[in-house]
């Protein structure tokens, strides 16, 4: 199943907010991968 990340229009109009959101996601990815490994 493909995971889709929705970006709000606010972020689309504000590259700084967009980058911050992407950075937050990248920080979360290792935690998600660890959860998968735990299973």
PDB file of N, CA and C in Angstrom:
ATOM      1  N   UNK A   1       0.852  -1.198   0.000  1.00  0.00           N
ATOM      2  CA  UNK A   1       0.000   0.000   0.000  1.00  0.00           C
ATOM      3  C   UNK A   1       0.882   1.241   0.000  1.00  0.00           C
ATOM      4  N   UNK A   2       0.573   2.149  -0.878  1.00  0.00           N
ATOM      5  CA  UNK A   2       1.390   3.356  -0.995  1.00  0.00           C
ATOM      6  C   UNK A   2       0.973   4.382   0.043  1.00  0.00           C
ATOM      7  N   UNK A   3       1.959   4.924   0.741  1.00  0.00           N
ATOM      8  CA  UNK A   3       1.638   5.965   1.728  1.00  0.00           C
ATOM      9  C   UNK A   3       1.739   7.325   1.051  1.00  0.00           C
ATOM     10  N   UNK A   4       0.702   8.110   1.192  1.00  0.00           N
ATOM     11  CA  UNK A   4       0.697   9.435   0.577  1.00  0.00           C
ATOM     12  C   UNK A   4       0.779  10.502   1.661  1.00  0.00           C
ATOM     13  N   UNK A   5       1.671  11.457   1.442  1.00  0.00           N
ATOM     14  CA  UNK A   5       1.799  12.561   2.399  1.00  0.00           C
ATOM     15  C   UNK A   5       1.124  13.778   1.789  1.00  0.00           C
ATOM     16  N   UNK A   6       0.146  14.290   2.495  1.00  0.00           N
ATOM     17  CA  UNK A   6      -0.565  15.456   1.996  1.00  0.00           C
ATOM     18  C   UNK A   6       0.085  16.719   2.542  1.00  0.00           C
ATOM     19  N   UNK A   7       0.360  17.664   1.645  1.00  0.00           N
ATOM     20  CA  UNK A   7       0.964  18.934   2.042  1.00  0.00           C
ATOM     21  C   UNK A   7      -0.104  20.018   1.956  1.00  0.00           C
ATOM     22  N   UNK A   8      -0.267  20.732   3.052  1.00  0.00           N
ATOM     23  CA  UNK A   8      -1.291  21.772   3.057  1.00  0.00           C
ATOM     24  C   UNK A   8      -0.914  22.888   2.088  1.00  0.00           C
ATOM     25  N   UNK A   9      -1.916  23.642   1.632  1.00  0.00           N
ATOM     26  CA  UNK A   9      -1.647  24.738   0.703  1.00  0.00           C
ATOM     27  C   UNK A   9      -0.708  25.745   1.349  1.00  0.00           C
ATOM     28  N   UNK A  10      -0.816  25.890   2.667  1.00  0.00           N
ATOM     29  CA  UNK A  10       0.046  26.824   3.383  1.00  0.00           C
ATOM     30  C   UNK A  10       1.504  26.447   3.167  1.00  0.00           C
ATOM     31  N   UNK A  11       1.787  25.157   3.253  1.00  0.00           N
ATOM     32  CA  UNK A  11       3.162  24.699   3.071  1.00  0.00           C
ATOM     33  C   UNK A  11       3.597  24.858   1.619  1.00  0.00           C
ATOM     34  N   UNK A  12       2.684  24.600   0.700  1.00  0.00           N
ATOM     35  CA  UNK A  12       3.028  24.736  -0.719  1.00  0.00           C
ATOM     36  C   UNK A  12       3.406  26.179  -1.040  1.00  0.00           C
ATOM     37  N   UNK A  13       2.764  27.114  -0.366  1.00  0.00           N
ATOM     38  CA  UNK A  13       3.042  28.524  -0.632  1.00  0.00           C
ATOM     39  C   UNK A  13       4.229  29.014   0.179  1.00  0.00           C
ATOM     40  N   UNK A  14       4.707  28.199   1.123  1.00  0.00           N
ATOM     41  CA  UNK A  14       5.798  28.626   1.993  1.00  0.00           C
ATOM     42  C   UNK A  14       6.870  27.543   2.014  1.00  0.00           C
ATOM     43  N   UNK A  15       7.901  27.669   1.169  1.00  0.00           N
ATOM     44  CA  UNK A  15       8.937  26.629   1.069  1.00  0.00           C
ATOM     45  C   UNK A  15       9.615  26.336   2.402  1.00  0.00           C
ATOM     46  N   UNK A  16       9.743  27.340   3.259  1.00  0.00           N
ATOM     47  CA  UNK A  16      10.406  27.104   4.541  1.00  0.00           C
ATOM     48  C   UNK A  16       9.581  26.148   5.396  1.00  0.00           C
ATOM     49  N   UNK A  17       8.268  26.385   5.418  1.00  0.00           N
ATOM     50  CA  UNK A  17       7.395  25.481   6.186  1.00  0.00           C
ATOM     51  C   UNK A  17       7.400  24.092   5.565  1.00  0.00           C
ATOM     52  N   UNK A  18       7.455  24.054   4.227  1.00  0.00           N
ATOM     53  CA  UNK A  18       7.469  22.771   3.532  1.00  0.00           C
ATOM     54  C   UNK A  18       8.710  21.979   3.927  1.00  0.00           C
ATOM     55  N   UNK A  19       9.865  22.641   3.910  1.00  0.00           N
ATOM     56  CA  UNK A  19      11.109  21.952   4.272  1.00  0.00           C
ATOM     57  C   UNK A  19      11.063  21.494   5.714  1.00  0.00           C
ATOM     58  N   UNK A  20      10.483  22.305   6.584  1.00  0.00           N
ATOM     59  CA  UNK A  20      10.387  21.929   7.993  1.00  0.00           C
ATOM     60  C   UNK A  20       9.525  20.679   8.139  1.00  0.00           C
ATOM     61  N   UNK A  21       8.438  20.611   7.380  1.00  0.00           N
ATOM     62  CA  UNK A  21       7.549  19.447   7.443  1.00  0.00           C
ATOM     63  C   UNK A  21       8.274  18.207   6.933  1.00  0.00           C
ATOM     64  N   UNK A  22       9.021  18.360   5.847  1.00  0.00           N
ATOM     65  CA  UNK A  22       9.762  17.225   5.290  1.00  0.00           C
ATOM     66  C   UNK A  22      10.818  16.759   6.289  1.00  0.00           C
ATOM     67  N   UNK A  23      11.482  17.709   6.931  1.00  0.00           N
ATOM     68  CA  UNK A  23      12.508  17.353   7.914  1.00  0.00           C
ATOM     69  C   UNK A  23      11.874  16.593   9.066  1.00  0.00           C
ATOM     70  N   UNK A  24      10.696  17.034   9.512  1.00  0.00           N
ATOM     71  CA  UNK A  24       9.999  16.324  10.595  1.00  0.00           C
ATOM     72  C   UNK A  24       9.719  14.888  10.170  1.00  0.00           C
ATOM     73  N   UNK A  25       9.282  14.718   8.918  1.00  0.00           N
ATOM     74  CA  UNK A  25       8.976  13.369   8.427  1.00  0.00           C
ATOM     75  C   UNK A  25      10.237  12.513   8.424  1.00  0.00           C
ATOM     76  N   UNK A  26      11.353  13.088   7.971  1.00  0.00           N
ATOM     77  CA  UNK A  26      12.591  12.311   7.901  1.00  0.00           C
ATOM     78  C   UNK A  26      13.037  11.914   9.305  1.00  0.00           C
ATOM     79  N   UNK A  27      12.742  12.767  10.285  1.00  0.00           N
ATOM     80  CA  UNK A  27      13.103  12.429  11.669  1.00  0.00           C
ATOM     81  C   UNK A  27      12.230  11.301  12.199  1.00  0.00           C
ATOM     82  N   UNK A  28      11.008  11.207  11.667  1.00  0.00           N
ATOM     83  CA  UNK A  28      10.097  10.161  12.131  1.00  0.00           C
ATOM     84  C   UNK A  28      10.376   8.815  11.473  1.00  0.00           C
ATOM     85  N   UNK A  29      10.910   8.840  10.250  1.00  0.00           N
ATOM     86  CA  UNK A  29      11.108   7.591   9.510  1.00  0.00           C
ATOM     87  C   UNK A  29      11.930   6.551  10.276  1.00  0.00           C
ATOM     88  N   UNK A  30      13.064   6.911  10.882  1.00  0.00           N
ATOM     89  CA  UNK A  30      13.831   5.892  11.612  1.00  0.00           C
ATOM     90  C   UNK A  30      13.005   5.243  12.720  1.00  0.00           C
ATOM     91  N   UNK A  31      12.160   6.008  13.379  1.00  0.00           N
ATOM     92  CA  UNK A  31      11.326   5.455  14.452  1.00  0.00           C
ATOM     93  C   UNK A  31      10.348   4.444  13.862  1.00  0.00           C
ATOM     94  N   UNK A  32       9.775   4.760  12.698  1.00  0.00           N
ATOM     95  CA  UNK A  32       8.829   3.836  12.057  1.00  0.00           C
ATOM     96  C   UNK A  32       9.553   2.560  11.641  1.00  0.00           C
ATOM     97  N   UNK A  33      10.768   2.709  11.129  1.00  0.00           N
ATOM     98  CA  UNK A  33      11.522   1.526  10.700  1.00  0.00           C
ATOM     99  C   UNK A  33      11.857   0.654  11.902  1.00  0.00           C
ATOM    100  N   UNK A  34      12.156   1.277  13.025  1.00  0.00           N
ATOM    101  CA  UNK A  34      12.475   0.507  14.224  1.00  0.00           C
ATOM    102  C   UNK A  34      11.250  -0.283  14.667  1.00  0.00           C
ATOM    103  N   UNK A  35      10.085   0.323  14.563  1.00  0.00           N
ATOM    104  CA  UNK A  35       8.855  -0.376  14.948  1.00  0.00           C
ATOM    105  C   UNK A  35       8.654  -1.591  14.050  1.00  0.00           C
ATOM    106  N   UNK A  36       8.909  -1.433  12.758  1.00  0.00           N
ATOM    107  CA  UNK A  36       8.755  -2.561  11.835  1.00  0.00           C
ATOM    108  C   UNK A  36       9.720  -3.683  12.204  1.00  0.00           C
ATOM    109  N   UNK A  37      10.940  -3.323  12.563  1.00  0.00           N
ATOM    110  CA  UNK A  37      11.929  -4.337  12.936  1.00  0.00           C
ATOM    111  C   UNK A  37      11.498  -5.062  14.208  1.00  0.00           C
ATOM    112  N   UNK A  38      10.863  -4.321  15.108  1.00  0.00           N
ATOM    113  CA  UNK A  38      10.458  -4.920  16.386  1.00  0.00           C
ATOM    114  C   UNK A  38       9.422  -6.010  16.157  1.00  0.00           C
ATOM    115  N   UNK A  39       8.569  -5.819  15.162  1.00  0.00           N
ATOM    116  CA  UNK A  39       7.576  -6.853  14.852  1.00  0.00           C
ATOM    117  C   UNK A  39       8.286  -8.020  14.209  1.00  0.00           C
TER     118      UNK A  39
END
